[in-house]
C-alpha atoms as a PDB file:
ATOM      1  CA  MET A   1     275.880  92.702  54.241  1.00  0.00           C
ATOM      2  CA  ILE A   2     273.702  90.009  55.775  1.00  0.00           C
ATOM      3  CA  ASN A   3     270.015  90.161  54.866  1.00  0.00           C
ATOM      4  CA  TYR A   4     267.329  87.947  56.382  1.00  0.00           C
ATOM      5  CA  ALA A   5     264.535  89.012  54.009  1.00  0.00           C
ATOM      6  CA  PRO A   6     264.203  85.425  52.736  1.00  0.00           C
ATOM      7  CA  LEU A   7     263.597  84.258  56.322  1.00  0.00           C
ATOM      8  CA  TRP A   8     260.544  86.468  56.783  1.00  0.00           C
ATOM      9  CA  LYS A   9     259.056  85.256  53.497  1.00  0.00           C
ATOM     10  CA  THR A  10     259.765  81.618  54.380  1.00  0.00           C
ATOM     11  CA  MET A  11     258.240  82.055  57.827  1.00  0.00           C
ATOM     12  CA  ASP A  12     255.170  83.697  56.312  1.00  0.00           C
ATOM     13  CA  ASP A  13     254.825  80.894  53.763  1.00  0.00           C
ATOM     14  CA  LYS A  14     255.086  78.271  56.537  1.00  0.00           C
ATOM     15  CA  GLY A  15     252.814  80.145  58.955  1.00  0.00           C
ATOM     16  CA  ILE A  16     255.481  80.436  61.665  1.00  0.00           C
ATOM     17  CA  THR A  17     255.709  83.637  63.714  1.00  0.00           C
ATOM     18  CA  THR A  18     258.622  85.110  65.629  1.00  0.00           C
ATOM     19  CA  TYR A  19     256.636  84.338  68.790  1.00  0.00           C
ATOM     20  CA  ALA A  20     256.557  80.662  67.788  1.00  0.00           C
ATOM     21  CA  LEU A  21     260.318  80.706  67.164  1.00  0.00           C
ATOM     22  CA  ILE A  22     260.832  81.914  70.727  1.00  0.00           C
ATOM     23  CA  ALA A  23     258.076  80.093  72.633  1.00  0.00           C
ATOM     24  CA  LYS A  24     257.747  76.814  70.745  1.00  0.00           C
ATOM     25  CA  TYR A  25     261.153  76.263  69.175  1.00  0.00           C
ATOM     26  CA  GLY A  26     263.488  77.810  71.755  1.00  0.00           C
ATOM     27  CA  ILE A  27     265.116  80.453  69.576  1.00  0.00           C
ATOM     28  CA  GLY A  28     266.352  83.174  71.929  1.00  0.00           C
ATOM     29  CA  SER A  29     264.808  86.626  71.885  1.00  0.00           C
ATOM     30  CA  LYS A  30     268.298  88.113  71.365  1.00  0.00           C
ATOM     31  CA  THR A  31     268.682  85.922  68.278  1.00  0.00           C
ATOM     32  CA  VAL A  32     265.331  87.136  66.944  1.00  0.00           C
ATOM     33  CA  TYR A  33     266.514  90.694  67.602  1.00  0.00           C
ATOM     34  CA  ASN A  34     269.696  89.956  65.607  1.00  0.00           C
ATOM     35  CA  LEU A  35     267.625  88.531  62.766  1.00  0.00           C
ATOM     36  CA  LYS A  36     265.351  91.559  62.683  1.00  0.00           C
ATOM     37  CA  HIS A  37     268.360  93.874  62.561  1.00  0.00           C
ATOM     38  CA  ASN A  38     270.343  91.859  59.979  1.00  0.00           C
ATOM     39  CA  LYS A  39     273.094  90.995  62.451  1.00  0.00           C
ATOM     40  CA  SER A  40     275.087  87.787  62.444  1.00  0.00           C
ATOM     41  CA  ILE A  41     273.908  84.493  63.902  1.00  0.00           C
ATOM     42  CA  THR A  42     275.761  81.238  64.484  1.00  0.00           C
ATOM     43  CA  MET A  43     275.841  78.382  62.018  1.00  0.00           C
ATOM     44  CA  PHE A  44     274.117  76.302  64.705  1.00  0.00           C
ATOM     45  CA  THR A  45     271.226  78.785  64.745  1.00  0.00           C
ATOM     46  CA  LEU A  46     271.072  78.823  60.945  1.00  0.00           C
ATOM     47  CA  SER A  47     270.919  75.028  60.973  1.00  0.00           C
ATOM     48  CA  LYS A  48     268.199  75.093  63.639  1.00  0.00           C
ATOM     49  CA  LEU A  49     266.131  77.593  61.630  1.00  0.00           C
ATOM     50  CA  CYS A  50     266.474  75.422  58.525  1.00  0.00           C
ATOM     51  CA  HIS A  51     265.306  72.399  60.516  1.00  0.00           C
ATOM     52  CA  ILE A  52     262.340  74.282  62.017  1.00  0.00           C
ATOM     53  CA  LEU A  53     261.287  75.709  58.651  1.00  0.00           C
ATOM     54  CA  ASP A  54     262.218  72.625  56.610  1.00  0.00           C
ATOM     55  CA  CYS A  55     264.250  74.757  54.211  1.00  0.00           C
ATOM     56  CA  THR A  56     267.786  75.516  53.050  1.00  0.00           C
ATOM     57  CA  PRO A  57     270.063  78.397  54.109  1.00  0.00           C
ATOM     58  CA  ASN A  58     269.118  80.207  50.884  1.00  0.00           C
ATOM     59  CA  ASP A  59     265.575  80.401  52.267  1.00  0.00           C
ATOM     60  CA  VAL A  60     266.884  82.173  55.381  1.00  0.00           C
ATOM     61  CA  VAL A  61     269.695  84.536  54.435  1.00  0.00           C
ATOM     62  CA  THR A  62     271.346  86.344  51.539  1.00  0.00           C
ATOM     63  CA  PHE A  63     274.645  88.198  51.378  1.00  0.00           C
ATOM     64  CA  ASN A  64     275.515  91.356  49.482  1.00  0.00           C
ATOM     65  CA  PHE A  65     279.256  91.118  48.867  1.00  0.00           C
ATOM     66  CA  GLU A  66     279.370  94.361  46.887  1.00  0.00           C
ATOM     67  CA  GLU A  67     279.133  96.324  50.119  1.00  0.00           C
ATOM     68  CA  TYR A  68     282.310  94.641  51.393  1.00  0.00           C
ATOM     69  CA  ASN A  69     284.221  95.744  48.310  1.00  0.00           C
ATOM     70  CA  ASN A  70     283.507  99.451  48.793  1.00  0.00           C
END
């Protein structure tokens, strides 16, 4: 399962809000919805988030592979 918990911590640490992602950085509101609901995003979006937040993918998303094995 995809989990964006690290994203919210990274955003909080950097002082960037979801409003700023949409209004200032051009991240679509549907993408923000997907992030909030732990749905998939494109690699392009992941790369863009990493650029905006000056971080690595590990600071944005984690995966729980155990759920895929059940």
